[in-house]
């Protein structure tokens, strides 16, 4: 059981340290909060809005 604990916490620490090192090495150039959408994402979003509007108009009130 002691070995399982070391493997579990060791893997957690390895993930945290690894992500920190990748963040340092890449120069923190990845900012997921202000990510610009691609053209395909814009088309997909507009298409989903059109589909929702199409189904909303088909189902009239009774």
N, C-alpha and C. Protein backbone atom coordinates (compact mmCIF):
# COMPACT_ATOMS: atom_id res chain seq x y z
N UNK A 1 0.83 -1.20 0.00
CA UNK A 1 0.00 0.00 0.00
C UNK A 1 0.87 1.26 0.00
N UNK A 2 1.98 1.17 0.67
CA UNK A 2 2.91 2.30 0.73
C UNK A 2 3.44 2.63 -0.67
N UNK A 3 3.69 1.59 -1.45
CA UNK A 3 4.20 1.78 -2.80
C UNK A 3 3.15 2.45 -3.69
N UNK A 4 1.88 2.06 -3.53
CA UNK A 4 0.80 2.64 -4.32
C UNK A 4 0.67 4.13 -4.01
N UNK A 5 0.83 4.50 -2.74
CA UNK A 5 0.77 5.91 -2.35
C UNK A 5 1.89 6.70 -3.04
N UNK A 6 3.10 6.16 -3.05
CA UNK A 6 4.22 6.85 -3.69
C UNK A 6 4.00 6.99 -5.19
N UNK A 7 3.44 5.95 -5.81
CA UNK A 7 3.17 6.03 -7.25
C UNK A 7 2.10 7.08 -7.54
N UNK A 8 1.04 7.10 -6.73
CA UNK A 8 -0.05 8.06 -6.94
C UNK A 8 0.44 9.49 -6.78
N UNK A 9 1.05 9.81 -5.64
CA UNK A 9 1.49 11.18 -5.41
C UNK A 9 2.67 11.56 -6.30
N UNK A 10 3.50 10.59 -6.65
CA UNK A 10 4.60 10.86 -7.58
C UNK A 10 4.09 11.24 -8.95
N UNK A 11 3.03 10.57 -9.40
CA UNK A 11 2.48 10.92 -10.72
C UNK A 11 1.82 12.30 -10.69
N UNK A 12 1.16 12.64 -9.59
CA UNK A 12 0.55 13.98 -9.45
C UNK A 12 1.64 15.05 -9.49
N UNK A 13 2.69 14.85 -8.71
CA UNK A 13 3.79 15.83 -8.67
C UNK A 13 4.46 15.92 -10.03
N UNK A 14 4.62 14.79 -10.72
CA UNK A 14 5.24 14.80 -12.04
C UNK A 14 4.41 15.61 -13.03
N UNK A 15 3.09 15.46 -12.98
CA UNK A 15 2.23 16.24 -13.86
C UNK A 15 2.32 17.73 -13.58
N UNK A 16 2.32 18.10 -12.31
CA UNK A 16 2.38 19.52 -11.96
C UNK A 16 3.72 20.12 -12.36
N UNK A 17 4.80 19.44 -12.05
CA UNK A 17 6.14 19.96 -12.39
C UNK A 17 6.32 19.98 -13.90
N UNK A 18 5.83 18.95 -14.58
CA UNK A 18 5.94 18.91 -16.05
C UNK A 18 5.18 20.04 -16.71
N UNK A 19 3.97 20.32 -16.22
CA UNK A 19 3.20 21.41 -16.83
C UNK A 19 3.86 22.76 -16.55
N UNK A 20 4.45 22.91 -15.36
CA UNK A 20 5.16 24.16 -15.05
C UNK A 20 6.37 24.33 -15.96
N UNK A 21 7.11 23.25 -16.18
CA UNK A 21 8.28 23.34 -17.05
C UNK A 21 7.89 23.65 -18.50
N UNK A 22 6.83 23.05 -18.99
CA UNK A 22 6.36 23.35 -20.35
C UNK A 22 5.94 24.80 -20.44
N UNK A 23 5.30 25.30 -19.38
CA UNK A 23 4.89 26.71 -19.36
C UNK A 23 6.10 27.63 -19.41
N UNK A 24 7.15 27.30 -18.67
CA UNK A 24 8.37 28.12 -18.67
C UNK A 24 9.08 28.02 -20.02
N UNK A 25 9.20 26.80 -20.56
CA UNK A 25 9.95 26.61 -21.81
C UNK A 25 9.25 27.31 -22.97
N UNK A 26 7.94 27.27 -23.03
CA UNK A 26 7.23 27.91 -24.15
C UNK A 26 7.10 29.41 -23.96
N UNK A 27 7.54 29.93 -22.84
CA UNK A 27 7.50 31.37 -22.61
C UNK A 27 6.11 31.89 -22.33
N UNK A 28 5.25 31.04 -21.83
CA UNK A 28 3.88 31.41 -21.48
C UNK A 28 3.15 32.09 -22.64
N UNK A 29 3.37 31.56 -23.84
CA UNK A 29 2.74 32.17 -25.00
C UNK A 29 1.31 31.67 -25.20
N UNK A 30 0.91 30.65 -24.44
CA UNK A 30 -0.44 30.12 -24.57
C UNK A 30 -1.35 30.79 -23.57
N UNK A 31 -2.24 31.62 -24.06
CA UNK A 31 -3.22 32.29 -23.22
C UNK A 31 -4.59 31.83 -23.69
N UNK A 32 -5.20 30.93 -22.92
CA UNK A 32 -6.45 30.33 -23.36
C UNK A 32 -7.65 31.23 -23.13
N UNK A 33 -7.50 32.28 -22.36
CA UNK A 33 -8.63 33.16 -22.09
C UNK A 33 -8.93 34.06 -23.28
N UNK A 34 -7.91 34.52 -23.96
CA UNK A 34 -8.09 35.45 -25.08
C UNK A 34 -7.69 34.78 -26.39
N UNK A 35 -8.23 33.59 -26.62
CA UNK A 35 -7.88 32.86 -27.82
C UNK A 35 -8.82 33.28 -28.95
N UNK A 36 -8.25 33.58 -30.08
CA UNK A 36 -9.04 34.03 -31.22
C UNK A 36 -9.65 32.81 -31.91
N UNK A 37 -10.92 32.93 -32.28
CA UNK A 37 -11.60 31.81 -32.92
C UNK A 37 -11.17 31.70 -34.37
N UNK A 38 -11.09 30.46 -34.83
CA UNK A 38 -10.77 30.25 -36.23
C UNK A 38 -12.01 30.47 -37.08
N UNK A 39 -11.82 30.53 -38.37
CA UNK A 39 -12.93 30.75 -39.29
C UNK A 39 -13.92 29.59 -39.23
N UNK A 40 -13.40 28.36 -39.07
CA UNK A 40 -14.28 27.19 -38.97
C UNK A 40 -15.14 27.26 -37.72
N UNK A 41 -14.57 27.72 -36.61
CA UNK A 41 -15.34 27.84 -35.38
C UNK A 41 -16.44 28.89 -35.53
N UNK A 42 -16.14 29.99 -36.21
CA UNK A 42 -17.16 31.01 -36.45
C UNK A 42 -18.29 30.48 -37.32
N UNK A 43 -17.94 29.72 -38.37
CA UNK A 43 -18.98 29.14 -39.23
C UNK A 43 -19.82 28.14 -38.46
N UNK A 44 -19.19 27.32 -37.62
CA UNK A 44 -19.93 26.32 -36.86
C UNK A 44 -20.87 26.98 -35.86
N UNK A 45 -20.42 28.06 -35.25
CA UNK A 45 -21.28 28.77 -34.29
C UNK A 45 -22.49 29.40 -35.01
N UNK A 46 -22.25 30.01 -36.16
CA UNK A 46 -23.35 30.60 -36.91
C UNK A 46 -24.32 29.53 -37.40
N UNK A 47 -23.78 28.39 -37.81
CA UNK A 47 -24.64 27.30 -38.28
C UNK A 47 -25.49 26.75 -37.14
N UNK A 48 -24.93 26.63 -35.95
CA UNK A 48 -25.71 26.13 -34.82
C UNK A 48 -26.82 27.12 -34.45
N UNK A 49 -26.54 28.41 -34.54
CA UNK A 49 -27.59 29.40 -34.25
C UNK A 49 -28.71 29.32 -35.29
N UNK A 50 -28.35 29.10 -36.56
CA UNK A 50 -29.37 28.95 -37.60
C UNK A 50 -30.24 27.72 -37.36
N UNK A 51 -29.60 26.62 -36.95
CA UNK A 51 -30.36 25.40 -36.68
C UNK A 51 -31.32 25.60 -35.51
N UNK A 52 -30.89 26.27 -34.48
CA UNK A 52 -31.76 26.52 -33.33
C UNK A 52 -32.93 27.39 -33.74
N UNK A 53 -32.67 28.43 -34.52
CA UNK A 53 -33.75 29.30 -34.99
C UNK A 53 -34.72 28.55 -35.88
N UNK A 54 -34.21 27.64 -36.71
CA UNK A 54 -35.07 26.89 -37.61
C UNK A 54 -36.04 26.02 -36.81
N UNK A 55 -35.55 25.35 -35.79
CA UNK A 55 -36.43 24.49 -34.98
C UNK A 55 -37.35 25.31 -34.09
N UNK A 56 -36.92 26.47 -33.67
CA UNK A 56 -37.80 27.31 -32.83
C UNK A 56 -38.98 27.83 -33.64
N UNK A 57 -38.78 28.12 -34.92
CA UNK A 57 -39.85 28.65 -35.74
C UNK A 57 -40.82 27.56 -36.20
N UNK A 58 -40.34 26.34 -36.30
CA UNK A 58 -41.20 25.25 -36.75
C UNK A 58 -42.22 24.89 -35.68
N UNK A 59 -41.83 24.96 -34.43
CA UNK A 59 -42.73 24.58 -33.35
C UNK A 59 -43.48 25.81 -32.87
N UNK A 60 -44.62 26.08 -33.47
CA UNK A 60 -45.41 27.24 -33.08
C UNK A 60 -46.12 27.01 -31.76
N UNK A 61 -46.63 28.07 -31.18
CA UNK A 61 -47.36 27.93 -29.92
C UNK A 61 -48.75 27.37 -30.19
N UNK A 62 -49.28 26.65 -29.25
CA UNK A 62 -50.59 26.00 -29.44
C UNK A 62 -51.70 26.89 -28.99
